[in-house]
Amino acid sequence: LDAAGIGFVCTRSSDGAPCCRVMDVRRLDDTRLSFSLVTRTCTRKAAQFAADSRVTLAFHDPRAAGENGYVALSGRVREVVEKDARRAVWKDSWTLFHTAPEVLPPDSDVLVYVFEPDRLELVDNERWLRGDWRPVTLVRTRDDWEPAPAP
């Protein structure tokens, strides 16, 4: 996750179809594997977040020419509205396209979200975590990550 930096944010469109886009997201410093992301009120993703907070973030592992695998995190987004809380999860590179939280007017169209996953799927072709091609799947418990029940 630290090597990727850019992820695919996948939502559900108004007709129910999957909708993915590449975004510059910020990994937060916690054991929950949380991320923050930014958008504007006029975007499809803002409407999709409002309609269904379930989201998947997917990251391709760029090491070794990208042959190492991926991680997909599924969970929910929640909007961050308080100015100090926005600043705490802000990524400086976003200021190139969006007004920084400390100078946002009250009627700003900039939306900041925190994504908190409850499921993780990992493929690491370098380490072969399961001994074969199948992903390792973990689910979030109250305080930790545990293996998902077998399908």
Protein backbone atom coordinates (compact mmCIF):
# COMPACT_ATOMS: atom_id res chain seq x y z
CA LEU A 1 0.00 0.00 0.00
CA ASP A 2 2.79 2.42 0.78
CA ALA A 3 4.44 1.71 -2.59
CA ALA A 4 1.29 2.38 -4.64
CA GLY A 5 0.08 5.91 -3.72
CA ILE A 6 -2.49 5.99 -6.51
CA GLY A 7 -5.49 3.69 -6.32
CA PHE A 8 -8.62 2.69 -8.17
CA VAL A 9 -11.73 3.89 -6.34
CA CYS A 10 -14.66 1.68 -7.30
CA THR A 11 -18.28 2.61 -6.67
CA ARG A 12 -21.69 1.71 -8.07
CA SER A 13 -23.26 3.92 -10.73
CA SER A 14 -26.92 4.99 -10.64
CA ASP A 15 -27.85 2.05 -12.92
CA GLY A 16 -26.02 -0.40 -10.62
CA ALA A 17 -22.97 -0.93 -12.83
CA PRO A 18 -19.46 -0.86 -11.32
CA CYS A 19 -17.66 2.45 -11.82
CA CYS A 20 -13.90 2.77 -11.20
CA ARG A 21 -11.56 5.71 -11.45
CA VAL A 22 -7.91 6.35 -10.62
CA MET A 23 -7.44 8.69 -7.65
CA ASP A 24 -4.66 10.17 -5.58
CA VAL A 25 -5.59 8.91 -2.11
CA ARG A 26 -3.86 9.38 1.24
CA ARG A 27 -3.07 6.46 3.52
CA LEU A 28 -3.87 7.44 7.11
CA ASP A 29 -1.63 6.38 9.98
CA ASP A 30 -3.76 3.73 11.60
CA THR A 31 -4.06 -0.05 11.83
CA ARG A 32 -7.48 0.03 10.16
CA LEU A 33 -5.86 0.71 6.74
CA SER A 34 -7.96 3.86 6.35
CA PHE A 35 -7.54 6.33 3.50
CA SER A 36 -8.76 9.83 2.77
CA LEU A 37 -9.87 11.13 -0.59
CA VAL A 38 -11.21 14.35 -2.05
CA THR A 39 -13.74 15.26 -4.73
CA ARG A 40 -16.25 17.98 -5.60
CA THR A 41 -20.02 18.09 -5.21
CA CYS A 42 -20.53 18.13 -9.01
CA THR A 43 -18.78 14.78 -9.62
CA ARG A 44 -20.34 11.38 -10.30
CA LYS A 45 -18.41 9.90 -7.39
CA ALA A 46 -19.89 12.42 -4.94
CA ALA A 47 -23.38 11.38 -6.07
CA GLN A 48 -22.38 7.72 -5.89
CA PHE A 49 -20.95 8.11 -2.36
CA ALA A 50 -24.18 9.81 -1.27
CA ALA A 51 -26.32 7.02 -2.76
CA ASP A 52 -24.20 4.11 -1.49
CA SER A 53 -21.25 4.53 0.86
CA ARG A 54 -19.82 1.10 -0.06
CA VAL A 55 -16.54 1.49 -1.92
CA THR A 56 -13.60 -0.66 -2.99
CA LEU A 57 -10.07 0.75 -3.22
CA ALA A 58 -7.70 -1.34 -5.32
CA PHE A 59 -3.95 -0.93 -5.61
CA HIS A 60 -1.61 -2.59 -8.09
CA ASP A 61 1.82 -3.43 -6.70
CA PRO A 62 4.31 -1.44 -8.83
CA ARG A 63 7.40 -3.30 -7.62
CA ALA A 64 9.18 -5.79 -9.92
CA ALA A 65 7.53 -4.36 -13.06
CA GLY A 66 4.11 -4.82 -11.48
CA GLU A 67 4.23 -8.61 -11.40
CA ASN A 68 3.87 -8.84 -7.63
CA GLY A 69 0.12 -8.59 -7.26
CA TYR A 70 -2.52 -6.32 -5.79
CA VAL A 71 -4.56 -5.45 -2.74
CA ALA A 72 -8.27 -4.63 -2.78
CA LEU A 73 -9.91 -3.05 0.27
CA SER A 74 -13.71 -2.98 0.55
CA GLY A 75 -15.54 -0.83 3.05
CA ARG A 76 -17.40 2.47 3.41
CA VAL A 77 -16.70 6.18 3.03
CA ARG A 78 -17.91 8.90 5.37
CA GLU A 79 -17.74 12.62 4.72
CA VAL A 80 -15.43 14.72 6.90
CA VAL A 81 -17.08 18.09 7.49
CA GLU A 82 -15.27 19.74 10.42
CA LYS A 83 -12.42 22.01 9.26
CA ASP A 84 -9.73 20.70 11.65
CA ALA A 85 -10.66 17.10 10.86
CA ARG A 86 -10.42 17.87 7.12
CA ARG A 87 -6.97 19.36 7.63
CA ALA A 88 -5.86 16.26 9.58
CA VAL A 89 -6.64 13.94 6.65
CA TRP A 90 -5.69 16.33 3.82
CA LYS A 91 -2.98 15.37 1.32
CA ASP A 92 -0.86 18.33 0.24
CA SER A 93 -0.82 17.28 -3.43
CA TRP A 94 -4.61 17.82 -3.56
CA THR A 95 -4.09 21.59 -3.16
CA LEU A 96 -3.02 21.72 -6.82
CA PHE A 97 -6.67 21.09 -7.78
CA HIS A 98 -8.67 21.83 -4.61
CA THR A 99 -8.63 24.68 -2.10
CA ALA A 100 -6.89 23.69 1.13
CA PRO A 101 -9.30 23.04 4.04
CA GLU A 102 -8.11 25.95 6.16
CA VAL A 103 -9.20 28.47 3.51
CA LEU A 104 -12.37 26.78 2.25
CA PRO A 105 -15.39 29.06 2.34
CA PRO A 106 -18.46 27.63 4.11
CA ASP A 107 -20.22 27.09 0.76
CA SER A 108 -17.27 25.24 -0.83
CA ASP A 109 -17.94 22.42 -3.28
CA VAL A 110 -14.89 20.45 -2.05
CA LEU A 111 -15.78 17.22 -0.26
CA VAL A 112 -13.35 15.23 1.88
CA TYR A 113 -14.00 11.60 2.78
CA VAL A 114 -12.41 8.93 4.94
CA PHE A 115 -12.59 5.35 3.70
CA GLU A 116 -12.55 2.58 6.32
CA PRO A 117 -12.23 -0.97 5.01
CA ASP A 118 -13.82 -4.05 6.50
CA ARG A 119 -12.46 -6.58 3.98
CA LEU A 120 -9.02 -7.03 2.39
CA GLU A 121 -7.97 -9.22 -0.51
CA LEU A 122 -4.25 -9.61 -1.19
CA VAL A 123 -2.28 -11.35 -3.92
CA ASP A 124 1.51 -11.30 -3.53
CA ASN A 125 3.15 -13.28 -6.32
CA GLU A 126 6.60 -12.69 -4.87
CA ARG A 127 5.85 -14.33 -1.52
CA TRP A 128 3.10 -16.80 -2.54
CA LEU A 129 1.28 -16.25 0.73
CA ARG A 130 -1.07 -19.22 0.23
CA GLY A 131 1.30 -21.37 -1.79
CA ASP A 132 -0.75 -20.81 -4.95
CA TRP A 133 -2.45 -18.05 -6.96
CA ARG A 134 -5.47 -17.61 -4.67
CA PRO A 135 -5.74 -14.36 -2.68
CA VAL A 136 -5.49 -14.07 1.06
CA THR A 137 -8.76 -12.60 2.31
CA LEU A 138 -9.09 -10.91 5.70
CA VAL A 139 -12.07 -9.33 7.43
CA ARG A 140 -11.98 -6.54 9.97
CA THR A 141 -13.08 -7.36 13.49
CA ARG A 142 -13.50 -4.76 16.16
CA ASP A 143 -9.75 -4.42 16.84
CA ASP A 144 -7.91 -6.54 14.30
CA TRP A 145 -7.85 -8.32 10.94
CA GLU A 146 -8.70 -12.04 10.79
CA PRO A 147 -8.84 -14.62 7.99
CA ALA A 148 -12.18 -14.62 6.19
CA PRO A 149 -14.29 -17.77 6.52
CA ALA A 150 -13.74 -20.23 3.68
CA PRO A 151 -16.24 -19.83 0.81
